[in-house]
Amino acid sequence: MNDLLNKLNVLLRSTLTSSGDSAKSSKLSGRGGADLGRDALLLRQRVNEAIQYENQLQARLRTLESEVTHWDEAADIAVGKGDEAAARYAVEQLTLAKQRATIAESDLRQHQRVTEELLLRVNELEAAVADAGLSKDQGPEASLDFGVVADQVNSLVNQFRERVSELQSTIQAREVSETTSPPATPPEVEVDDDLANRRDRLSKK
């Protein structure tokens, strides 16, 4: 994410500087440099929003990982005390916490893939802006076409907003479902196997 923000800052400075110089030295075709600068700012805003949401996903994953650790330790303590009911409950909660953590990790990885794709596109746009600047420096007769680059930035803003919004909506809908619907109890055989392994492991200590 830091690399992405750095790239966006470079892109933004390049577009704003070039758009300011273009009025004196180049012809603008299509959309103007001001529109390009505006779209670059909007793109950075979208990325900032994505970073904030990714931070939320990371915090959720850390919370679930803490729950896994808690219930794992609670199961060992209950087995050590011979408290079958408490041990079985702890293992059930541990299993559910592991499932939620796996899903949360998958959500985070998917979100990171979307932003990685964005970074690739920003790299391409940065190169396009640099090429446009070089074209401008070749002489007064050179035409600095911000229109194409501006359209690319605008398209990227829309694509990123749609993809991230869709992913966030899916995650949030599942989280609501988890809070309103009781989780399914893990299969009894799975709990029995876990308890048997714990008894065996703890007996060897």
C-alpha atoms as a PDB file:
ATOM      1  CA  MET A   1       0.000   0.000   0.000  1.00  0.00           C
ATOM      2  CA  ASN A   2       2.835   2.430   0.730  1.00  0.00           C
ATOM      3  CA  ASP A   3       4.288   1.728  -2.728  1.00  0.00           C
ATOM      4  CA  LEU A   4       0.890   2.441  -4.223  1.00  0.00           C
ATOM      5  CA  LEU A   5       0.566   5.766  -2.436  1.00  0.00           C
ATOM      6  CA  ASN A   6       4.094   6.761  -3.490  1.00  0.00           C
ATOM      7  CA  LYS A   7       3.267   5.965  -7.102  1.00  0.00           C
ATOM      8  CA  LEU A   8       0.046   7.954  -6.893  1.00  0.00           C
ATOM      9  CA  ASN A   9       1.889  10.947  -5.435  1.00  0.00           C
ATOM     10  CA  VAL A  10       4.374  10.840  -8.320  1.00  0.00           C
ATOM     11  CA  LEU A  11       1.562  10.509 -10.830  1.00  0.00           C
ATOM     12  CA  LEU A  12      -0.363  13.362  -9.268  1.00  0.00           C
ATOM     13  CA  ARG A  13       2.654  15.701  -9.223  1.00  0.00           C
ATOM     14  CA  SER A  14       3.467  14.797 -12.812  1.00  0.00           C
ATOM     15  CA  THR A  15      -0.045  15.415 -14.095  1.00  0.00           C
ATOM     16  CA  LEU A  16      -0.492  18.697 -12.231  1.00  0.00           C
ATOM     17  CA  THR A  17       2.938  20.015 -13.248  1.00  0.00           C
ATOM     18  CA  SER A  18       2.470  18.979 -16.860  1.00  0.00           C
ATOM     19  CA  SER A  19      -1.036  20.364 -17.043  1.00  0.00           C
ATOM     20  CA  GLY A  20       0.207  23.695 -15.686  1.00  0.00           C
ATOM     21  CA  ASP A  21       3.020  23.896 -18.250  1.00  0.00           C
ATOM     22  CA  SER A  22       0.915  22.681 -21.149  1.00  0.00           C
ATOM     23  CA  ALA A  23      -1.003  25.915 -21.581  1.00  0.00           C
ATOM     24  CA  LYS A  24       2.214  27.658 -22.605  1.00  0.00           C
ATOM     25  CA  SER A  25       3.989  24.977 -24.557  1.00  0.00           C
ATOM     26  CA  SER A  26       1.523  22.460 -25.983  1.00  0.00           C
ATOM     27  CA  LYS A  27      -1.839  21.896 -27.517  1.00  0.00           C
ATOM     28  CA  LEU A  28      -4.315  19.933 -25.417  1.00  0.00           C
ATOM     29  CA  SER A  29      -6.530  17.428 -27.183  1.00  0.00           C
ATOM     30  CA  GLY A  30      -9.546  15.667 -25.648  1.00  0.00           C
ATOM     31  CA  ARG A  31      -9.959  16.428 -21.952  1.00  0.00           C
ATOM     32  CA  GLY A  32      -7.628  19.021 -20.437  1.00  0.00           C
ATOM     33  CA  GLY A  33      -4.855  18.768 -17.930  1.00  0.00           C
ATOM     34  CA  ALA A  34      -7.111  20.180 -15.205  1.00  0.00           C
ATOM     35  CA  ASP A  35      -9.466  17.214 -15.641  1.00  0.00           C
ATOM     36  CA  LEU A  36      -6.524  14.862 -15.486  1.00  0.00           C
ATOM     37  CA  GLY A  37      -5.325  16.402 -12.240  1.00  0.00           C
ATOM     38  CA  ARG A  38      -8.823  16.169 -10.786  1.00  0.00           C
ATOM     39  CA  ASP A  39      -9.106  12.502 -11.718  1.00  0.00           C
ATOM     40  CA  ALA A  40      -5.694  11.774 -10.248  1.00  0.00           C
ATOM     41  CA  LEU A  41      -6.841  13.351  -6.984  1.00  0.00           C
ATOM     42  CA  LEU A  42     -10.015  11.266  -7.054  1.00  0.00           C
ATOM     43  CA  LEU A  43      -7.985   8.140  -7.702  1.00  0.00           C
ATOM     44  CA  ARG A  44      -5.830   8.844  -4.671  1.00  0.00           C
ATOM     45  CA  GLN A  45      -8.983   9.365  -2.592  1.00  0.00           C
ATOM     46  CA  ARG A  46     -10.276   5.946  -3.683  1.00  0.00           C
ATOM     47  CA  VAL A  47      -6.975   4.385  -2.692  1.00  0.00           C
ATOM     48  CA  ASN A  48      -7.078   6.047   0.716  1.00  0.00           C
ATOM     49  CA  GLU A  49     -10.555   4.600   1.248  1.00  0.00           C
ATOM     50  CA  ALA A  50      -9.272   1.172   0.223  1.00  0.00           C
ATOM     51  CA  ILE A  51      -6.375   1.468   2.667  1.00  0.00           C
ATOM     52  CA  GLN A  52      -8.757   2.292   5.498  1.00  0.00           C
ATOM     53  CA  TYR A  53     -10.903  -0.722   4.672  1.00  0.00           C
ATOM     54  CA  GLU A  54      -7.866  -2.983   4.394  1.00  0.00           C
ATOM     55  CA  ASN A  55      -6.847  -1.818   7.866  1.00  0.00           C
ATOM     56  CA  GLN A  56     -10.277  -2.891   9.094  1.00  0.00           C
ATOM     57  CA  LEU A  57      -9.836  -6.321   7.493  1.00  0.00           C
ATOM     58  CA  GLN A  58      -6.421  -6.710   9.114  1.00  0.00           C
ATOM     59  CA  ALA A  59      -7.823  -5.718  12.512  1.00  0.00           C
ATOM     60  CA  ARG A  60     -10.648  -8.247  12.132  1.00  0.00           C
ATOM     61  CA  LEU A  61      -8.163 -10.966  11.227  1.00  0.00           C
ATOM     62  CA  ARG A  62      -6.005 -10.152  14.255  1.00  0.00           C
ATOM     63  CA  THR A  63      -9.070 -10.314  16.506  1.00  0.00           C
ATOM     64  CA  LEU A  64     -10.051 -13.711  15.141  1.00  0.00           C
ATOM     65  CA  GLU A  65      -6.500 -14.993  15.490  1.00  0.00           C
ATOM     66  CA  SER A  66      -6.598 -13.896  19.134  1.00  0.00           C
ATOM     67  CA  GLU A  67      -9.851 -15.802  19.565  1.00  0.00           C
ATOM     68  CA  VAL A  68      -8.228 -18.901  18.087  1.00  0.00           C
ATOM     69  CA  THR A  69      -5.362 -18.619  20.563  1.00  0.00           C
ATOM     70  CA  HIS A  70      -7.757 -18.025  23.460  1.00  0.00           C
ATOM     71  CA  TRP A  71      -9.970 -21.047  22.748  1.00  0.00           C
ATOM     72  CA  ASP A  72      -6.978 -23.265  22.021  1.00  0.00           C
ATOM     73  CA  GLU A  73      -5.529 -22.460  25.426  1.00  0.00           C
ATOM     74  CA  ALA A  74      -8.937 -22.798  27.102  1.00  0.00           C
ATOM     75  CA  ALA A  75      -9.374 -26.260  25.586  1.00  0.00           C
ATOM     76  CA  ASP A  76      -5.987 -27.386  26.917  1.00  0.00           C
ATOM     77  CA  ILE A  77      -6.789 -26.062  30.388  1.00  0.00           C
ATOM     78  CA  ALA A  78     -10.170 -27.798  30.440  1.00  0.00           C
ATOM     79  CA  VAL A  79      -8.696 -31.093  29.239  1.00  0.00           C
ATOM     80  CA  GLY A  80      -5.965 -30.809  31.861  1.00  0.00           C
ATOM     81  CA  LYS A  81      -8.632 -30.370  34.557  1.00  0.00           C
ATOM     82  CA  GLY A  82     -10.708 -33.236  33.203  1.00  0.00           C
ATOM     83  CA  ASP A  83     -13.651 -30.906  32.548  1.00  0.00           C
ATOM     84  CA  GLU A  84     -15.188 -32.646  29.538  1.00  0.00           C
ATOM     85  CA  ALA A  85     -18.033 -30.178  29.004  1.00  0.00           C
ATOM     86  CA  ALA A  86     -15.790 -27.113  29.122  1.00  0.00           C
ATOM     87  CA  ALA A  87     -13.206 -28.793  26.887  1.00  0.00           C
ATOM     88  CA  ARG A  88     -15.823 -29.725  24.299  1.00  0.00           C
ATOM     89  CA  TYR A  89     -17.269 -26.200  24.291  1.00  0.00           C
ATOM     90  CA  ALA A  90     -13.806 -24.666  23.914  1.00  0.00           C
ATOM     91  CA  VAL A  91     -12.973 -26.928  20.977  1.00  0.00           C
ATOM     92  CA  GLU A  92     -16.277 -26.060  19.293  1.00  0.00           C
ATOM     93  CA  GLN A  93     -15.564 -22.351  19.658  1.00  0.00           C
ATOM     94  CA  LEU A  94     -11.998 -22.899  18.486  1.00  0.00           C
ATOM     95  CA  THR A  95     -13.208 -24.621  15.339  1.00  0.00           C
ATOM     96  CA  LEU A  96     -15.645 -21.814  14.560  1.00  0.00           C
ATOM     97  CA  ALA A  97     -12.999 -19.154  15.217  1.00  0.00           C
ATOM     98  CA  LYS A  98     -10.585 -20.932  12.867  1.00  0.00           C
ATOM     99  CA  GLN A  99     -13.234 -21.004  10.146  1.00  0.00           C
ATOM    100  CA  ARG A 100     -13.928 -17.281  10.525  1.00  0.00           C
ATOM    101  CA  ALA A 101     -10.201 -16.498  10.562  1.00  0.00           C
ATOM    102  CA  THR A 102      -9.691 -18.468   7.342  1.00  0.00           C
ATOM    103  CA  ILE A 103     -12.477 -16.507   5.653  1.00  0.00           C
ATOM    104  CA  ALA A 104     -11.146 -13.198   6.985  1.00  0.00           C
ATOM    105  CA  GLU A 105      -7.672 -14.006   5.669  1.00  0.00           C
ATOM    106  CA  SER A 106      -9.148 -14.859   2.272  1.00  0.00           C
ATOM    107  CA  ASP A 107     -11.042 -11.541   2.228  1.00  0.00           C
ATOM    108  CA  LEU A 108      -7.847  -9.666   3.055  1.00  0.00           C
ATOM    109  CA  ARG A 109      -5.837 -11.438   0.349  1.00  0.00           C
ATOM    110  CA  GLN A 110      -8.547 -10.758  -2.231  1.00  0.00           C
ATOM    111  CA  HIS A 111      -8.640  -7.089  -1.298  1.00  0.00           C
ATOM    112  CA  GLN A 112      -4.851  -6.909  -1.566  1.00  0.00           C
ATOM    113  CA  ARG A 113      -4.969  -8.474  -5.043  1.00  0.00           C
ATOM    114  CA  VAL A 114      -7.343  -5.741  -6.194  1.00  0.00           C
ATOM    115  CA  THR A 115      -5.005  -3.029  -4.926  1.00  0.00           C
ATOM    116  CA  GLU A 116      -1.996  -4.786  -6.479  1.00  0.00           C
ATOM    117  CA  GLU A 117      -3.769  -4.633  -9.831  1.00  0.00           C
ATOM    118  CA  LEU A 118      -4.357  -0.947  -9.208  1.00  0.00           C
ATOM    119  CA  LEU A 119      -0.660  -0.431  -8.514  1.00  0.00           C
ATOM    120  CA  LEU A 120       0.165  -2.053 -11.858  1.00  0.00           C
ATOM    121  CA  ARG A 121      -2.232   0.277 -13.647  1.00  0.00           C
ATOM    122  CA  VAL A 122      -0.838   3.295 -11.812  1.00  0.00           C
ATOM    123  CA  ASN A 123       2.654   2.276 -12.951  1.00  0.00           C
ATOM    124  CA  GLU A 124       1.374   2.216 -16.527  1.00  0.00           C
ATOM    125  CA  LEU A 125      -0.239   5.625 -16.147  1.00  0.00           C
ATOM    126  CA  GLU A 126       2.888   7.068 -14.573  1.00  0.00           C
ATOM    127  CA  ALA A 127       4.882   5.875 -17.586  1.00  0.00           C
ATOM    128  CA  ALA A 128       2.292   7.406 -19.936  1.00  0.00           C
ATOM    129  CA  VAL A 129       2.506  10.773 -18.171  1.00  0.00           C
ATOM    130  CA  ALA A 130       6.318  10.627 -18.288  1.00  0.00           C
ATOM    131  CA  ASP A 131       6.184   9.884 -22.025  1.00  0.00           C
ATOM    132  CA  ALA A 132       3.827  12.817 -22.507  1.00  0.00           C
ATOM    133  CA  GLY A 133       6.245  15.098 -20.677  1.00  0.00           C
ATOM    134  CA  LEU A 134       9.125  13.934 -22.862  1.00  0.00           C
ATOM    135  CA  SER A 135       7.023  14.538 -25.942  1.00  0.00           C
ATOM    136  CA  LYS A 136       6.354  18.092 -24.765  1.00  0.00           C
ATOM    137  CA  ASP A 137      10.071  18.733 -24.271  1.00  0.00           C
ATOM    138  CA  GLN A 138      10.867  17.734 -27.838  1.00  0.00           C
ATOM    139  CA  GLY A 139       9.770  21.114 -29.111  1.00  0.00           C
ATOM    140  CA  PRO A 140       7.005  23.714 -29.252  1.00  0.00           C
ATOM    141  CA  GLU A 141       5.332  21.829 -32.079  1.00  0.00           C
ATOM    142  CA  ALA A 142       4.866  18.702 -29.944  1.00  0.00           C
ATOM    143  CA  SER A 143       1.310  17.925 -28.934  1.00  0.00           C
ATOM    144  CA  LEU A 144       0.828  16.897 -25.313  1.00  0.00           C
ATOM    145  CA  ASP A 145      -2.288  14.752 -25.348  1.00  0.00           C
ATOM    146  CA  PHE A 146      -3.686  14.608 -21.824  1.00  0.00           C
ATOM    147  CA  GLY A 147      -7.020  13.400 -23.158  1.00  0.00           C
ATOM    148  CA  VAL A 148      -6.027   9.750 -23.495  1.00  0.00           C
ATOM    149  CA  VAL A 149      -4.262   9.647 -20.146  1.00  0.00           C
ATOM    150  CA  ALA A 150      -7.158  11.458 -18.453  1.00  0.00           C
ATOM    151  CA  ASP A 151      -9.633   8.932 -19.841  1.00  0.00           C
ATOM    152  CA  GLN A 152      -7.448   6.102 -18.550  1.00  0.00           C
ATOM    153  CA  VAL A 153      -7.329   7.618 -15.077  1.00  0.00           C
ATOM    154  CA  ASN A 154     -11.090   8.163 -15.055  1.00  0.00           C
ATOM    155  CA  SER A 155     -11.690   4.590 -16.203  1.00  0.00           C
ATOM    156  CA  LEU A 156      -9.365   3.299 -13.502  1.00  0.00           C
ATOM    157  CA  VAL A 157     -11.212   5.304 -10.843  1.00  0.00           C
ATOM    158  CA  ASN A 158     -14.531   3.780 -11.919  1.00  0.00           C
ATOM    159  CA  GLN A 159     -13.210   0.237 -12.168  1.00  0.00           C
ATOM    160  CA  PHE A 160     -11.523   0.399  -8.809  1.00  0.00           C
ATOM    161  CA  ARG A 161     -14.618   1.876  -7.147  1.00  0.00           C
ATOM    162  CA  GLU A 162     -16.827  -0.869  -8.588  1.00  0.00           C
ATOM    163  CA  ARG A 163     -14.527  -3.755  -7.713  1.00  0.00           C
ATOM    164  CA  VAL A 164     -13.754  -2.604  -4.192  1.00  0.00           C
ATOM    165  CA  SER A 165     -17.401  -1.701  -3.511  1.00  0.00           C
ATOM    166  CA  GLU A 166     -18.544  -5.118  -4.698  1.00  0.00           C
ATOM    167  CA  LEU A 167     -15.971  -6.887  -2.524  1.00  0.00           C
ATOM    168  CA  GLN A 168     -16.825  -4.762   0.512  1.00  0.00           C
ATOM    169  CA  SER A 169     -20.556  -5.375   0.046  1.00  0.00           C
ATOM    170  CA  THR A 170     -19.984  -9.136  -0.081  1.00  0.00           C
ATOM    171  CA  ILE A 171     -17.862  -9.085   3.079  1.00  0.00           C
ATOM    172  CA  GLN A 172     -20.272  -6.849   4.982  1.00  0.00           C
ATOM    173  CA  ALA A 173     -23.285  -8.974   3.990  1.00  0.00           C
ATOM    174  CA  ARG A 174     -21.557 -12.084   5.318  1.00  0.00           C
ATOM    175  CA  GLU A 175     -20.617 -10.314   8.558  1.00  0.00           C
ATOM    176  CA  VAL A 176     -24.248  -9.287   9.074  1.00  0.00           C
ATOM    177  CA  SER A 177     -25.327 -12.866   8.407  1.00  0.00           C
ATOM    178  CA  GLU A 178     -22.837 -14.124  11.004  1.00  0.00           C
ATOM    179  CA  THR A 179     -24.276 -11.817  13.659  1.00  0.00           C
ATOM    180  CA  THR A 180     -27.930 -12.627  12.925  1.00  0.00           C
ATOM    181  CA  SER A 181     -27.675 -16.375  12.311  1.00  0.00           C
ATOM    182  CA  PRO A 182     -26.245 -18.794  14.897  1.00  0.00           C
ATOM    183  CA  PRO A 183     -23.147 -20.601  13.602  1.00  0.00           C
ATOM    184  CA  ALA A 184     -23.449 -24.258  12.776  1.00  0.00           C
ATOM    185  CA  THR A 185     -22.065 -26.595  15.418  1.00  0.00           C
ATOM    186  CA  PRO A 186     -18.883 -28.336  14.247  1.00  0.00           C
ATOM    187  CA  PRO A 187     -19.274 -32.063  13.495  1.00  0.00           C
ATOM    188  CA  GLU A 188     -19.072 -34.119  16.669  1.00  0.00           C
ATOM    189  CA  VAL A 189     -16.473 -36.435  15.206  1.00  0.00           C
ATOM    190  CA  GLU A 190     -14.217 -33.445  14.517  1.00  0.00           C
ATOM    191  CA  VAL A 191     -14.522 -32.288  18.123  1.00  0.00           C
ATOM    192  CA  ASP A 192     -13.899 -35.828  19.412  1.00  0.00           C
ATOM    193  CA  ASP A 193     -10.749 -36.166  17.306  1.00  0.00           C
ATOM    194  CA  ASP A 194      -9.423 -32.827  18.541  1.00  0.00           C
ATOM    195  CA  LEU A 195     -10.048 -33.764  22.178  1.00  0.00           C
ATOM    196  CA  ALA A 196      -8.392 -37.149  21.717  1.00  0.00           C
ATOM    197  CA  ASN A 197      -5.302 -35.514  20.211  1.00  0.00           C
ATOM    198  CA  ARG A 198      -5.150 -33.015  23.074  1.00  0.00           C
ATOM    199  CA  ARG A 199      -5.384 -35.723  25.718  1.00  0.00           C
ATOM    200  CA  ASP A 200      -2.621 -37.641  24.017  1.00  0.00           C
ATOM    201  CA  ARG A 201      -0.411 -34.560  23.649  1.00  0.00           C
ATOM    202  CA  LEU A 202      -0.936 -33.324  27.208  1.00  0.00           C
ATOM    203  CA  SER A 203      -0.372 -36.775  28.688  1.00  0.00           C
ATOM    204  CA  LYS A 204       3.144 -36.805  27.230  1.00  0.00           C
ATOM    205  CA  LYS A 205       4.175 -33.542  28.881  1.00  0.00           C
END
